[in-house]
Amino acid sequence: FVMLTDASWTIILLSVVMSFAGQMGDI
């Protein structure tokens, strides 16, 4: 999404955090 949109590199870290939040929903 950094490459294809105007999003900053912050989105990479936030993506990992969101991944963990999703895993906690699964847990």
mmCIF file of all heavy atoms, coordinates in Angstrom:
data_MODEL
# 
_entry.id   MODEL 
# 
loop_
_atom_site.group_PDB 
_atom_site.id 
_atom_site.type_symbol 
_atom_site.label_atom_id 
_atom_site.label_alt_id 
_atom_site.label_comp_id 
_atom_site.label_asym_id 
_atom_site.label_entity_id 
_atom_site.label_seq_id 
_atom_site.pdbx_PDB_ins_code 
_atom_site.Cartn_x 
_atom_site.Cartn_y 
_atom_site.Cartn_z 
_atom_site.occupancy 
_atom_site.B_iso_or_equiv 
_atom_site.pdbx_formal_charge 
_atom_site.auth_seq_id 
_atom_site.auth_comp_id 
_atom_site.auth_asym_id 
_atom_site.auth_atom_id 
_atom_site.pdbx_PDB_model_num 
ATOM 1   N N   . PHE A 1 1  ? 0.817   -1.211  0.000  1.00 0.00 ? 1  PHE A N   1 
ATOM 2   C CA  . PHE A 1 1  ? 0.000   0.000   0.000  1.00 0.00 ? 1  PHE A CA  1 
ATOM 3   C C   . PHE A 1 1  ? 0.853   1.264   0.000  1.00 0.00 ? 1  PHE A C   1 
ATOM 4   O O   . PHE A 1 1  ? 0.421   2.295   -0.515 1.00 0.00 ? 1  PHE A O   1 
ATOM 5   C CB  . PHE A 1 1  ? -0.972  -0.016  1.185  1.00 0.00 ? 1  PHE A CB  1 
ATOM 6   C CG  . PHE A 1 1  ? -2.240  -0.762  0.903  1.00 0.00 ? 1  PHE A CG  1 
ATOM 7   C CD1 . PHE A 1 1  ? -2.274  -2.148  0.941  1.00 0.00 ? 1  PHE A CD1 1 
ATOM 8   C CD2 . PHE A 1 1  ? -3.407  -0.087  0.566  1.00 0.00 ? 1  PHE A CD2 1 
ATOM 9   C CE1 . PHE A 1 1  ? -3.436  -2.852  0.659  1.00 0.00 ? 1  PHE A CE1 1 
ATOM 10  C CE2 . PHE A 1 1  ? -4.575  -0.768  0.283  1.00 0.00 ? 1  PHE A CE2 1 
ATOM 11  C CZ  . PHE A 1 1  ? -4.595  -2.159  0.325  1.00 0.00 ? 1  PHE A CZ  1 
ATOM 12  N N   . VAL A 1 2  ? 2.062   1.194   0.546  1.00 0.00 ? 2  VAL A N   1 
ATOM 13  C CA  . VAL A 1 2  ? 2.980   2.330   0.437  1.00 0.00 ? 2  VAL A CA  1 
ATOM 14  C C   . VAL A 1 2  ? 3.356   2.563   -1.017 1.00 0.00 ? 2  VAL A C   1 
ATOM 15  O O   . VAL A 1 2  ? 3.435   3.704   -1.500 1.00 0.00 ? 2  VAL A O   1 
ATOM 16  C CB  . VAL A 1 2  ? 4.248   2.087   1.286  1.00 0.00 ? 2  VAL A CB  1 
ATOM 17  C CG1 . VAL A 1 2  ? 5.335   3.117   0.943  1.00 0.00 ? 2  VAL A CG1 1 
ATOM 18  C CG2 . VAL A 1 2  ? 3.921   2.162   2.765  1.00 0.00 ? 2  VAL A CG2 1 
ATOM 19  N N   . MET A 1 3  ? 3.566   1.482   -1.741 1.00 0.00 ? 3  MET A N   1 
ATOM 20  C CA  . MET A 1 3  ? 3.981   1.569   -3.144 1.00 0.00 ? 3  MET A CA  1 
ATOM 21  C C   . MET A 1 3  ? 2.846   1.996   -4.061 1.00 0.00 ? 3  MET A C   1 
ATOM 22  O O   . MET A 1 3  ? 3.073   2.681   -5.062 1.00 0.00 ? 3  MET A O   1 
ATOM 23  C CB  . MET A 1 3  ? 4.535   0.209   -3.591 1.00 0.00 ? 3  MET A CB  1 
ATOM 24  C CG  . MET A 1 3  ? 5.787   -0.231  -2.853 1.00 0.00 ? 3  MET A CG  1 
ATOM 25  S SD  . MET A 1 3  ? 6.298   -1.929  -3.266 1.00 0.00 ? 3  MET A SD  1 
ATOM 26  C CE  . MET A 1 3  ? 6.613   -1.758  -5.023 1.00 0.00 ? 3  MET A CE  1 
ATOM 27  N N   . LEU A 1 4  ? 1.622   1.606   -3.738 1.00 0.00 ? 4  LEU A N   1 
ATOM 28  C CA  . LEU A 1 4  ? 0.503   1.831   -4.650 1.00 0.00 ? 4  LEU A CA  1 
ATOM 29  C C   . LEU A 1 4  ? -0.357  3.036   -4.280 1.00 0.00 ? 4  LEU A C   1 
ATOM 30  O O   . LEU A 1 4  ? -1.193  3.452   -5.088 1.00 0.00 ? 4  LEU A O   1 
ATOM 31  C CB  . LEU A 1 4  ? -0.383  0.579   -4.703 1.00 0.00 ? 4  LEU A CB  1 
ATOM 32  C CG  . LEU A 1 4  ? 0.279   -0.705  -5.220 1.00 0.00 ? 4  LEU A CG  1 
ATOM 33  C CD1 . LEU A 1 4  ? -0.716  -1.852  -5.183 1.00 0.00 ? 4  LEU A CD1 1 
ATOM 34  C CD2 . LEU A 1 4  ? 0.816   -0.498  -6.635 1.00 0.00 ? 4  LEU A CD2 1 
ATOM 35  N N   . THR A 1 5  ? -0.183  3.577   -3.072 1.00 0.00 ? 5  THR A N   1 
ATOM 36  C CA  . THR A 1 5  ? -1.010  4.693   -2.631 1.00 0.00 ? 5  THR A CA  1 
ATOM 37  C C   . THR A 1 5  ? -0.121  5.803   -2.077 1.00 0.00 ? 5  THR A C   1 
ATOM 38  O O   . THR A 1 5  ? 1.103   5.733   -2.141 1.00 0.00 ? 5  THR A O   1 
ATOM 39  C CB  . THR A 1 5  ? -2.013  4.256   -1.535 1.00 0.00 ? 5  THR A CB  1 
ATOM 40  O OG1 . THR A 1 5  ? -1.289  3.985   -0.333 1.00 0.00 ? 5  THR A OG1 1 
ATOM 41  C CG2 . THR A 1 5  ? -2.770  3.009   -1.964 1.00 0.00 ? 5  THR A CG2 1 
ATOM 42  N N   . ASP A 1 6  ? -0.756  6.820   -1.504 1.00 0.00 ? 6  ASP A N   1 
ATOM 43  C CA  . ASP A 1 6  ? -0.021  7.933   -0.902 1.00 0.00 ? 6  ASP A CA  1 
ATOM 44  C C   . ASP A 1 6  ? 0.277   7.702   0.580  1.00 0.00 ? 6  ASP A C   1 
ATOM 45  O O   . ASP A 1 6  ? 0.709   8.620   1.284  1.00 0.00 ? 6  ASP A O   1 
ATOM 46  C CB  . ASP A 1 6  ? -0.831  9.232   -1.048 1.00 0.00 ? 6  ASP A CB  1 
ATOM 47  C CG  . ASP A 1 6  ? -0.997  9.641   -2.504 1.00 0.00 ? 6  ASP A CG  1 
ATOM 48  O OD1 . ASP A 1 6  ? -0.085  9.336   -3.300 1.00 0.00 ? 6  ASP A OD1 1 
ATOM 49  O OD2 . ASP A 1 6  ? -2.032  10.247  -2.838 1.00 0.00 ? 6  ASP A OD2 1 
ATOM 50  N N   . ALA A 1 7  ? 0.052   6.510   1.058  1.00 0.00 ? 7  ALA A N   1 
ATOM 51  C CA  . ALA A 1 7  ? 0.279   6.213   2.473  1.00 0.00 ? 7  ALA A CA  1 
ATOM 52  C C   . ALA A 1 7  ? 1.762   6.338   2.813  1.00 0.00 ? 7  ALA A C   1 
ATOM 53  O O   . ALA A 1 7  ? 2.635   6.039   1.995  1.00 0.00 ? 7  ALA A O   1 
ATOM 54  C CB  . ALA A 1 7  ? -0.207  4.811   2.801  1.00 0.00 ? 7  ALA A CB  1 
ATOM 55  N N   . SER A 1 8  ? 2.062   6.765   4.042  1.00 0.00 ? 8  SER A N   1 
ATOM 56  C CA  . SER A 1 8  ? 3.441   6.872   4.496  1.00 0.00 ? 8  SER A CA  1 
ATOM 57  C C   . SER A 1 8  ? 3.923   5.511   4.996  1.00 0.00 ? 8  SER A C   1 
ATOM 58  O O   . SER A 1 8  ? 3.148   4.561   5.122  1.00 0.00 ? 8  SER A O   1 
ATOM 59  C CB  . SER A 1 8  ? 3.547   7.910   5.619  1.00 0.00 ? 8  SER A CB  1 
ATOM 60  O OG  . SER A 1 8  ? 2.991   7.393   6.818  1.00 0.00 ? 8  SER A OG  1 
ATOM 61  N N   . TRP A 1 9  ? 5.228   5.454   5.320  1.00 0.00 ? 9  TRP A N   1 
ATOM 62  C CA  . TRP A 1 9  ? 5.798   4.204   5.805  1.00 0.00 ? 9  TRP A CA  1 
ATOM 63  C C   . TRP A 1 9  ? 5.219   3.800   7.156  1.00 0.00 ? 9  TRP A C   1 
ATOM 64  O O   . TRP A 1 9  ? 5.386   2.654   7.594  1.00 0.00 ? 9  TRP A O   1 
ATOM 65  C CB  . TRP A 1 9  ? 7.327   4.330   5.887  1.00 0.00 ? 9  TRP A CB  1 
ATOM 66  C CG  . TRP A 1 9  ? 7.964   4.359   4.543  1.00 0.00 ? 9  TRP A CG  1 
ATOM 67  C CD1 . TRP A 1 9  ? 8.345   5.475   3.840  1.00 0.00 ? 9  TRP A CD1 1 
ATOM 68  C CD2 . TRP A 1 9  ? 8.272   3.248   3.707  1.00 0.00 ? 9  TRP A CD2 1 
ATOM 69  N NE1 . TRP A 1 9  ? 8.874   5.118   2.626  1.00 0.00 ? 9  TRP A NE1 1 
ATOM 70  C CE2 . TRP A 1 9  ? 8.850   3.752   2.508  1.00 0.00 ? 9  TRP A CE2 1 
ATOM 71  C CE3 . TRP A 1 9  ? 8.121   1.865   3.842  1.00 0.00 ? 9  TRP A CE3 1 
ATOM 72  C CZ2 . TRP A 1 9  ? 9.267   2.937   1.469  1.00 0.00 ? 9  TRP A CZ2 1 
ATOM 73  C CZ3 . TRP A 1 9  ? 8.545   1.042   2.807  1.00 0.00 ? 9  TRP A CZ3 1 
ATOM 74  C CH2 . TRP A 1 9  ? 9.101   1.569   1.640  1.00 0.00 ? 9  TRP A CH2 1 
ATOM 75  N N   . THR A 1 10 ? 4.524   4.726   7.819  1.00 0.00 ? 10 THR A N   1 
ATOM 76  C CA  . THR A 1 10 ? 3.876   4.405   9.097  1.00 0.00 ? 10 THR A CA  1 
ATOM 77  C C   . THR A 1 10 ? 2.896   3.243   8.954  1.00 0.00 ? 10 THR A C   1 
ATOM 78  O O   . THR A 1 10 ? 2.660   2.486   9.902  1.00 0.00 ? 10 THR A O   1 
ATOM 79  C CB  . THR A 1 10 ? 3.116   5.645   9.630  1.00 0.00 ? 10 THR A CB  1 
ATOM 80  O OG1 . THR A 1 10 ? 3.989   6.760   9.657  1.00 0.00 ? 10 THR A OG1 1 
ATOM 81  C CG2 . THR A 1 10 ? 2.545   5.387   11.015 1.00 0.00 ? 10 THR A CG2 1 
ATOM 82  N N   . ILE A 1 11 ? 2.354   3.111   7.755  1.00 0.00 ? 11 ILE A N   1 
ATOM 83  C CA  . ILE A 1 11 ? 1.324   2.106   7.522  1.00 0.00 ? 11 ILE A CA  1 
ATOM 84  C C   . ILE A 1 11 ? 1.869   0.690   7.701  1.00 0.00 ? 11 ILE A C   1 
ATOM 85  O O   . ILE A 1 11 ? 1.121   -0.234  8.039  1.00 0.00 ? 11 ILE A O   1 
ATOM 86  C CB  . ILE A 1 11 ? 0.723   2.273   6.098  1.00 0.00 ? 11 ILE A CB  1 
ATOM 87  C CG1 . ILE A 1 11 ? -0.631  1.588   6.008  1.00 0.00 ? 11 ILE A CG1 1 
ATOM 88  C CG2 . ILE A 1 11 ? 1.644   1.716   5.040  1.00 0.00 ? 11 ILE A CG2 1 
ATOM 89  C CD1 . ILE A 1 11 ? -1.709  2.244   6.806  1.00 0.00 ? 11 ILE A CD1 1 
ATOM 90  N N   . ILE A 1 12 ? 3.165   0.507   7.530  1.00 0.00 ? 12 ILE A N   1 
ATOM 91  C CA  . ILE A 1 12 ? 3.751   -0.824  7.671  1.00 0.00 ? 12 ILE A CA  1 
ATOM 92  C C   . ILE A 1 12 ? 3.691   -1.276  9.128  1.00 0.00 ? 12 ILE A C   1 
ATOM 93  O O   . ILE A 1 12 ? 3.247   -2.383  9.438  1.00 0.00 ? 12 ILE A O   1 
ATOM 94  C CB  . ILE A 1 12 ? 5.207   -0.844  7.159  1.00 0.00 ? 12 ILE A CB  1 
ATOM 95  C CG1 . ILE A 1 12 ? 5.236   -0.476  5.667  1.00 0.00 ? 12 ILE A CG1 1 
ATOM 96  C CG2 . ILE A 1 12 ? 5.837   -2.221  7.399  1.00 0.00 ? 12 ILE A CG2 1 
ATOM 97  C CD1 . ILE A 1 12 ? 6.636   -0.358  5.107  1.00 0.00 ? 12 ILE A CD1 1 
ATOM 98  N N   . LEU A 1 13 ? 4.134   -0.384  10.025 1.00 0.00 ? 13 LEU A N   1 
ATOM 99  C CA  . LEU A 1 13 ? 4.065   -0.712  11.453 1.00 0.00 ? 13 LEU A CA  1 
ATOM 100 C C   . LEU A 1 13 ? 2.624   -0.887  11.903 1.00 0.00 ? 13 LEU A C   1 
ATOM 101 O O   . LEU A 1 13 ? 2.301   -1.832  12.642 1.00 0.00 ? 13 LEU A O   1 
ATOM 102 C CB  . LEU A 1 13 ? 4.734   0.390   12.273 1.00 0.00 ? 13 LEU A CB  1 
ATOM 103 C CG  . LEU A 1 13 ? 4.659   0.233   13.802 1.00 0.00 ? 13 LEU A CG  1 
ATOM 104 C CD1 . LEU A 1 13 ? 5.320   -1.076  14.242 1.00 0.00 ? 13 LEU A CD1 1 
ATOM 105 C CD2 . LEU A 1 13 ? 5.312   1.422   14.491 1.00 0.00 ? 13 LEU A CD2 1 
ATOM 106 N N   . LEU A 1 14 ? 1.749   0.001   11.444 1.00 0.00 ? 14 LEU A N   1 
ATOM 107 C CA  . LEU A 1 14 ? 0.346   -0.105  11.825 1.00 0.00 ? 14 LEU A CA  1 
ATOM 108 C C   . LEU A 1 14 ? -0.267  -1.395  11.293 1.00 0.00 ? 14 LEU A C   1 
ATOM 109 O O   . LEU A 1 14 ? -1.126  -1.995  11.944 1.00 0.00 ? 14 LEU A O   1 
ATOM 110 C CB  . LEU A 1 14 ? -0.433  1.108   11.313 1.00 0.00 ? 14 LEU A CB  1 
ATOM 111 C CG  . LEU A 1 14 ? -1.884  1.230   11.785 1.00 0.00 ? 14 LEU A CG  1 
ATOM 112 C CD1 . LEU A 1 14 ? -1.964  1.234   13.303 1.00 0.00 ? 14 LEU A CD1 1 
ATOM 113 C CD2 . LEU A 1 14 ? -2.534  2.488   11.217 1.00 0.00 ? 14 LEU A CD2 1 
ATOM 114 N N   . SER A 1 15 ? 0.170   -1.844  10.132 1.00 0.00 ? 15 SER A N   1 
ATOM 115 C CA  . SER A 1 15 ? -0.331  -3.095  9.566  1.00 0.00 ? 15 SER A CA  1 
ATOM 116 C C   . SER A 1 15 ? 0.004   -4.278  10.469 1.00 0.00 ? 15 SER A C   1 
ATOM 117 O O   . SER A 1 15 ? -0.829  -5.170  10.680 1.00 0.00 ? 15 SER A O   1 
ATOM 118 C CB  . SER A 1 15 ? 0.262   -3.326  8.167  1.00 0.00 ? 15 SER A CB  1 
ATOM 119 O OG  . SER A 1 15 ? -0.164  -2.335  7.256  1.00 0.00 ? 15 SER A OG  1 
ATOM 120 N N   . VAL A 1 16 ? 1.218   -4.280  11.016 1.00 0.00 ? 16 VAL A N   1 
ATOM 121 C CA  . VAL A 1 16 ? 1.624   -5.364  11.909 1.00 0.00 ? 16 VAL A CA  1 
ATOM 122 C C   . VAL A 1 16 ? 0.813   -5.317  13.205 1.00 0.00 ? 16 VAL A C   1 
ATOM 123 O O   . VAL A 1 16 ? 0.365   -6.353  13.719 1.00 0.00 ? 16 VAL A O   1 
ATOM 124 C CB  . VAL A 1 16 ? 3.132   -5.282  12.213 1.00 0.00 ? 16 VAL A CB  1 
ATOM 125 C CG1 . VAL A 1 16 ? 3.535   -6.359  13.232 1.00 0.00 ? 16 VAL A CG1 1 
ATOM 126 C CG2 . VAL A 1 16 ? 3.940   -5.447  10.932 1.00 0.00 ? 16 VAL A CG2 1 
ATOM 127 N N   . VAL A 1 17 ? 0.594   -4.100  13.731 1.00 0.00 ? 17 VAL A N   1 
ATOM 128 C CA  . VAL A 1 17 ? -0.199  -3.947  14.953 1.00 0.00 ? 17 VAL A CA  1 
ATOM 129 C C   . VAL A 1 17 ? -1.637  -4.420  14.712 1.00 0.00 ? 17 VAL A C   1 
ATOM 130 O O   . VAL A 1 17 ? -2.234  -5.099  15.546 1.00 0.00 ? 17 VAL A O   1 
ATOM 131 C CB  . VAL A 1 17 ? -0.189  -2.487  15.432 1.00 0.00 ? 17 VAL A CB  1 
ATOM 132 C CG1 . VAL A 1 17 ? -1.133  -2.296  16.621 1.00 0.00 ? 17 VAL A CG1 1 
ATOM 133 C CG2 . VAL A 1 17 ? 1.224   -2.063  15.814 1.00 0.00 ? 17 VAL A CG2 1 
ATOM 134 N N   . MET A 1 18 ? -2.191  -4.063  13.535 1.00 0.00 ? 18 MET A N   1 
ATOM 135 C CA  . MET A 1 18 ? -3.544  -4.492  13.201 1.00 0.00 ? 18 MET A CA  1 
ATOM 136 C C   . MET A 1 18 ? -3.613  -6.008  13.048 1.00 0.00 ? 18 MET A C   1 
ATOM 137 O O   . MET A 1 18 ? -4.608  -6.641  13.404 1.00 0.00 ? 18 MET A O   1 
ATOM 138 C CB  . MET A 1 18 ? -4.007  -3.818  11.911 1.00 0.00 ? 18 MET A CB  1 
ATOM 139 C CG  . MET A 1 18 ? -4.186  -2.314  12.030 1.00 0.00 ? 18 MET A CG  1 
ATOM 140 S SD  . MET A 1 18 ? -5.482  -1.881  13.199 1.00 0.00 ? 18 MET A SD  1 
ATOM 141 C CE  . MET A 1 18 ? -6.900  -2.526  12.344 1.00 0.00 ? 18 MET A CE  1 
ATOM 142 N N   . SER A 1 19 ? -2.547  -6.591  12.522 1.00 0.00 ? 19 SER A N   1 
ATOM 143 C CA  . SER A 1 19 ? -2.474  -8.051  12.397 1.00 0.00 ? 19 SER A CA  1 
ATOM 144 C C   . SER A 1 19 ? -2.556  -8.702  13.769 1.00 0.00 ? 19 SER A C   1 
ATOM 145 O O   . SER A 1 19 ? -3.302  -9.676  13.972 1.00 0.00 ? 19 SER A O   1 
ATOM 146 C CB  . SER A 1 19 ? -1.164  -8.444  11.708 1.00 0.00 ? 19 SER A CB  1 
ATOM 147 O OG  . SER A 1 19 ? -0.981  -9.852  11.723 1.00 0.00 ? 19 SER A OG  1 
ATOM 148 N N   . PHE A 1 20 ? -1.806  -8.155  14.721 1.00 0.00 ? 20 PHE A N   1 
ATOM 149 C CA  . PHE A 1 20 ? -1.826  -8.697  16.080 1.00 0.00 ? 20 PHE A CA  1 
ATOM 150 C C   . PHE A 1 20 ? -3.201  -8.522  16.722 1.00 0.00 ? 20 PHE A C   1 
ATOM 151 O O   . PHE A 1 20 ? -3.699  -9.433  17.404 1.00 0.00 ? 20 PHE A O   1 
ATOM 152 C CB  . PHE A 1 20 ? -0.762  -8.011  16.931 1.00 0.00 ? 20 PHE A CB  1 
ATOM 153 C CG  . PHE A 1 20 ? -0.711  -8.503  18.343 1.00 0.00 ? 20 PHE A CG  1 
ATOM 154 C CD1 . PHE A 1 20 ? -0.264  -9.788  18.627 1.00 0.00 ? 20 PHE A CD1 1 
ATOM 155 C CD2 . PHE A 1 20 ? -1.117  -7.701  19.391 1.00 0.00 ? 20 PHE A CD2 1 
ATOM 156 C CE1 . PHE A 1 20 ? -0.222  -10.262 19.934 1.00 0.00 ? 20 PHE A CE1 1 
ATOM 157 C CE2 . PHE A 1 20 ? -1.071  -8.153  20.697 1.00 0.00 ? 20 PHE A CE2 1 
ATOM 158 C CZ  . PHE A 1 20 ? -0.629  -9.442  20.972 1.00 0.00 ? 20 PHE A CZ  1 
ATOM 159 N N   . ALA A 1 21 ? -3.844  -7.361  16.473 1.00 0.00 ? 21 ALA A N   1 
ATOM 160 C CA  . ALA A 1 21 ? -5.194  -7.131  17.016 1.00 0.00 ? 21 ALA A CA  1 
ATOM 161 C C   . ALA A 1 21 ? -6.170  -8.157  16.455 1.00 0.00 ? 21 ALA A C   1 
ATOM 162 O O   . ALA A 1 21 ? -7.029  -8.674  17.170 1.00 0.00 ? 21 ALA A O   1 
ATOM 163 C CB  . ALA A 1 21 ? -5.656  -5.712  16.675 1.00 0.00 ? 21 ALA A CB  1 
ATOM 164 N N   . GLY A 1 22 ? -6.029  -8.455  15.159 1.00 0.00 ? 22 GLY A N   1 
ATOM 165 C CA  . GLY A 1 22 ? -6.878  -9.473  14.553 1.00 0.00 ? 22 GLY A CA  1 
ATOM 166 C C   . GLY A 1 22 ? -6.635  -10.844 15.156 1.00 0.00 ? 22 GLY A C   1 
ATOM 167 O O   . GLY A 1 22 ? -7.572  -11.612 15.416 1.00 0.00 ? 22 GLY A O   1 
ATOM 168 N N   . GLN A 1 23 ? -5.364  -11.170 15.402 1.00 0.00 ? 23 GLN A N   1 
ATOM 169 C CA  . GLN A 1 23 ? -5.039  -12.456 16.027 1.00 0.00 ? 23 GLN A CA  1 
ATOM 170 C C   . GLN A 1 23 ? -5.619  -12.554 17.433 1.00 0.00 ? 23 GLN A C   1 
ATOM 171 O O   . GLN A 1 23 ? -6.062  -13.616 17.861 1.00 0.00 ? 23 GLN A O   1 
ATOM 172 C CB  . GLN A 1 23 ? -3.523  -12.637 16.061 1.00 0.00 ? 23 GLN A CB  1 
ATOM 173 C CG  . GLN A 1 23 ? -2.907  -12.863 14.684 1.00 0.00 ? 23 GLN A CG  1 
ATOM 174 C CD  . GLN A 1 23 ? -1.393  -12.786 14.703 1.00 0.00 ? 23 GLN A CD  1 
ATOM 175 O OE1 . GLN A 1 23 ? -0.799  -12.157 15.582 1.00 0.00 ? 23 GLN A OE1 1 
ATOM 176 N NE2 . GLN A 1 23 ? -0.751  -13.415 13.731 1.00 0.00 ? 23 GLN A NE2 1 
ATOM 177 N N   . MET A 1 24 ? -5.649  -11.424 18.146 1.00 0.00 ? 24 MET A N   1 
ATOM 178 C CA  . MET A 1 24 ? -6.240  -11.424 19.482 1.00 0.00 ? 24 MET A CA  1 
ATOM 179 C C   . MET A 1 24 ? -7.762  -11.611 19.411 1.00 0.00 ? 24 MET A C   1 
ATOM 180 O O   . MET A 1 24 ? -8.361  -12.214 20.299 1.00 0.00 ? 24 MET A O   1 
ATOM 181 C CB  . MET A 1 24 ? -5.896  -10.127 20.206 1.00 0.00 ? 24 MET A CB  1 
ATOM 182 C CG  . MET A 1 24 ? -4.442  -10.011 20.619 1.00 0.00 ? 24 MET A CG  1 
ATOM 183 S SD  . MET A 1 24 ? -3.897  -11.355 21.739 1.00 0.00 ? 24 MET A SD  1 
ATOM 184 C CE  . MET A 1 24 ? -3.115  -12.498 20.569 1.00 0.00 ? 24 MET A CE  1 
ATOM 185 N N   . GLY A 1 25 ? -8.376  -11.091 18.341 1.00 0.00 ? 25 GLY A N   1 
ATOM 186 C CA  . GLY A 1 25 ? -9.799  -11.350 18.136 1.00 0.00 ? 25 GLY A CA  1 
ATOM 187 C C   . GLY A 1 25 ? -10.050 -12.832 17.929 1.00 0.00 ? 25 GLY A C   1 
ATOM 188 O O   . GLY A 1 25 ? -11.016 -13.400 18.466 1.00 0.00 ? 25 GLY A O   1 
ATOM 189 N N   . ASP A 1 26 ? -9.166  -13.467 17.186 1.00 0.00 ? 26 ASP A N   1 
ATOM 190 C CA  . ASP A 1 26 ? -9.254  -14.908 16.951 1.00 0.00 ? 26 ASP A CA  1 
ATOM 191 C C   . ASP A 1 26 ? -9.055  -15.679 18.263 1.00 0.00 ? 26 ASP A C   1 
ATOM 192 O O   . ASP A 1 26 ? -9.786  -16.645 18.557 1.00 0.00 ? 26 ASP A O   1 
ATOM 193 C CB  . ASP A 1 26 ? -8.183  -15.308 15.929 1.00 0.00 ? 26 ASP A CB  1 
ATOM 194 C CG  . ASP A 1 26 ? -8.297  -16.764 15.502 1.00 0.00 ? 26 ASP A CG  1 
ATOM 195 O OD1 . ASP A 1 26 ? -9.408  -17.318 15.569 1.00 0.00 ? 26 ASP A OD1 1 
ATOM 196 O OD2 . ASP A 1 26 ? -7.272  -17.341 15.104 1.00 0.00 ? 26 ASP A OD2 1 
ATOM 197 N N   . ILE A 1 27 ? -8.086  -15.250 19.049 1.00 0.00 ? 27 ILE A N   1 
ATOM 198 C CA  . ILE A 1 27 ? -7.823  -15.892 20.332 1.00 0.00 ? 27 ILE A CA  1 
ATOM 199 C C   . ILE A 1 27 ? -9.016  -15.753 21.272 1.00 0.00 ? 27 ILE A C   1 
ATOM 200 O O   . ILE A 1 27 ? -9.393  -16.696 21.990 1.00 0.00 ? 27 ILE A O   1 
ATOM 201 C CB  . ILE A 1 27 ? -6.558  -15.296 20.986 1.00 0.00 ? 27 ILE A CB  1 
ATOM 202 C CG1 . ILE A 1 27 ? -5.300  -15.762 20.250 1.00 0.00 ? 27 ILE A CG1 1 
ATOM 203 C CG2 . ILE A 1 27 ? -6.475  -15.656 22.458 1.00 0.00 ? 27 ILE A CG2 1 
ATOM 204 C CD1 . ILE A 1 27 ? -4.987  -17.234 20.417 1.00 0.00 ? 27 ILE A CD1 1 
# 
